[in-house]
Amino acid sequence: MVGWNGAGSVVTGDGRASLEYTGMIDAFKKTVRHEGFGALYKGLVPNSVKVVPSIAIAFVTYEVVKDILGVEIRISD
């Protein structure tokens, strides 16, 4: 997951180094070393912005289809 050609130099900032990962643990270590611990959470807010409307749409769709089909779910004691 190096990205485009030369993406490693963007991360390291020296314009020469190639940043390649040998595995998941190596990627974790290099990310924390080069970008800091906060880089592990870069996508948290954009992902939340994407997920909340998606789940809302799925819930509303489920309820509407359930009403159209006349399905009633009862939870017994």
C-alpha atoms as a PDB file:
ATOM      1  CA  MET A   1       0.000   0.000   0.000  1.00  0.00           C
ATOM      2  CA  VAL A   2       2.752   2.417  -0.913  1.00  0.00           C
ATOM      3  CA  GLY A   3       0.414   4.406  -3.121  1.00  0.00           C
ATOM      4  CA  TRP A   4       1.731   6.307  -6.091  1.00  0.00           C
ATOM      5  CA  ASN A   5       5.343   6.299  -7.221  1.00  0.00           C
ATOM      6  CA  GLY A   6       7.352   8.335  -4.710  1.00  0.00           C
ATOM      7  CA  ALA A   7       4.616   8.470  -2.065  1.00  0.00           C
ATOM      8  CA  GLY A   8       7.120   7.387   0.574  1.00  0.00           C
ATOM      9  CA  SER A   9       9.121  10.582   0.116  1.00  0.00           C
ATOM     10  CA  VAL A  10       6.017  12.619   0.913  1.00  0.00           C
ATOM     11  CA  VAL A  11       5.745  10.820   4.236  1.00  0.00           C
ATOM     12  CA  THR A  12       9.433  11.002   5.112  1.00  0.00           C
ATOM     13  CA  GLY A  13       9.883  14.506   3.711  1.00  0.00           C
ATOM     14  CA  ASP A  14      13.374  13.963   2.356  1.00  0.00           C
ATOM     15  CA  GLY A  15      12.475  13.478  -1.296  1.00  0.00           C
ATOM     16  CA  ARG A  16      14.610  10.344  -1.583  1.00  0.00           C
ATOM     17  CA  ALA A  17      13.460   7.623   0.785  1.00  0.00           C
ATOM     18  CA  SER A  18      11.101   4.935  -0.339  1.00  0.00           C
ATOM     19  CA  LEU A  19       8.644   3.846   2.320  1.00  0.00           C
ATOM     20  CA  GLU A  20       7.601   0.235   1.854  1.00  0.00           C
ATOM     21  CA  TYR A  21       5.896  -2.049   4.326  1.00  0.00           C
ATOM     22  CA  THR A  22       6.726  -5.693   4.932  1.00  0.00           C
ATOM     23  CA  GLY A  23       3.555  -6.349   6.915  1.00  0.00           C
ATOM     24  CA  MET A  24       0.885  -4.904   9.132  1.00  0.00           C
ATOM     25  CA  ILE A  25       3.100  -4.479  12.199  1.00  0.00           C
ATOM     26  CA  ASP A  26       5.793  -2.803  10.082  1.00  0.00           C
ATOM     27  CA  ALA A  27       3.197  -0.412   8.630  1.00  0.00           C
ATOM     28  CA  PHE A  28       1.970   0.419  12.135  1.00  0.00           C
ATOM     29  CA  LYS A  29       5.516   1.111  13.397  1.00  0.00           C
ATOM     30  CA  LYS A  30       6.503   3.245  10.398  1.00  0.00           C
ATOM     31  CA  THR A  31       3.268   5.222  10.483  1.00  0.00           C
ATOM     32  CA  VAL A  32       3.721   6.067  14.151  1.00  0.00           C
ATOM     33  CA  ARG A  33       7.422   6.842  13.660  1.00  0.00           C
ATOM     34  CA  HIS A  34       7.014   9.097  10.602  1.00  0.00           C
ATOM     35  CA  GLU A  35       3.609  10.697  11.179  1.00  0.00           C
ATOM     36  CA  GLY A  36       2.929  10.318  14.889  1.00  0.00           C
ATOM     37  CA  PHE A  37       0.317   8.365  16.805  1.00  0.00           C
ATOM     38  CA  GLY A  38      -2.494  10.680  15.654  1.00  0.00           C
ATOM     39  CA  ALA A  39      -2.012   9.475  12.070  1.00  0.00           C
ATOM     40  CA  LEU A  40      -3.683   6.194  13.037  1.00  0.00           C
ATOM     41  CA  TYR A  41      -6.945   8.117  13.481  1.00  0.00           C
ATOM     42  CA  LYS A  42      -6.816  10.305  10.346  1.00  0.00           C
ATOM     43  CA  GLY A  43      -9.840   8.679   8.736  1.00  0.00           C
ATOM     44  CA  LEU A  44     -12.057   8.523  11.814  1.00  0.00           C
ATOM     45  CA  VAL A  45     -14.102  11.694  11.192  1.00  0.00           C
ATOM     46  CA  PRO A  46     -14.564  11.200   7.418  1.00  0.00           C
ATOM     47  CA  ASN A  47     -15.593   7.590   8.030  1.00  0.00           C
ATOM     48  CA  SER A  48     -18.139   8.676  10.651  1.00  0.00           C
ATOM     49  CA  VAL A  49     -19.551  11.270   8.259  1.00  0.00           C
ATOM     50  CA  LYS A  50     -20.016   8.477   5.733  1.00  0.00           C
ATOM     51  CA  VAL A  51     -21.373   5.812   8.089  1.00  0.00           C
ATOM     52  CA  VAL A  52     -24.041   7.778   9.965  1.00  0.00           C
ATOM     53  CA  PRO A  53     -26.173   8.621   6.882  1.00  0.00           C
ATOM     54  CA  SER A  54     -25.630   5.130   5.508  1.00  0.00           C
ATOM     55  CA  ILE A  55     -26.973   3.458   8.647  1.00  0.00           C
ATOM     56  CA  ALA A  56     -29.874   5.924   8.810  1.00  0.00           C
ATOM     57  CA  ILE A  57     -30.856   5.135   5.211  1.00  0.00           C
ATOM     58  CA  ALA A  58     -30.616   1.392   5.869  1.00  0.00           C
ATOM     59  CA  PHE A  59     -32.788   1.685   8.991  1.00  0.00           C
ATOM     60  CA  VAL A  60     -35.481   3.773   7.281  1.00  0.00           C
ATOM     61  CA  THR A  61     -35.492   1.445   4.254  1.00  0.00           C
ATOM     62  CA  TYR A  62     -35.891  -1.584   6.528  1.00  0.00           C
ATOM     63  CA  GLU A  63     -38.822   0.007   8.362  1.00  0.00           C
ATOM     64  CA  VAL A  64     -40.567   1.104   5.145  1.00  0.00           C
ATOM     65  CA  VAL A  65     -40.200  -2.314   3.493  1.00  0.00           C
ATOM     66  CA  LYS A  66     -41.409  -3.992   6.682  1.00  0.00           C
ATOM     67  CA  ASP A  67     -44.541  -1.788   6.629  1.00  0.00           C
ATOM     68  CA  ILE A  68     -45.140  -2.421   2.907  1.00  0.00           C
ATOM     69  CA  LEU A  69     -44.923  -6.191   3.404  1.00  0.00           C
ATOM     70  CA  GLY A  70     -47.066  -6.062   6.526  1.00  0.00           C
ATOM     71  CA  VAL A  71     -44.498  -7.816   8.655  1.00  0.00           C
ATOM     72  CA  GLU A  72     -44.864  -7.403  12.393  1.00  0.00           C
ATOM     73  CA  ILE A  73     -42.093  -8.615  14.643  1.00  0.00           C
ATOM     74  CA  ARG A  74     -43.118  -9.570  18.141  1.00  0.00           C
ATOM     75  CA  ILE A  75     -40.688 -10.318  20.884  1.00  0.00           C
ATOM     76  CA  SER A  76     -42.249 -12.829  23.245  1.00  0.00           C
ATOM     77  CA  ASP A  77     -41.542 -13.050  26.970  1.00  0.00           C
END
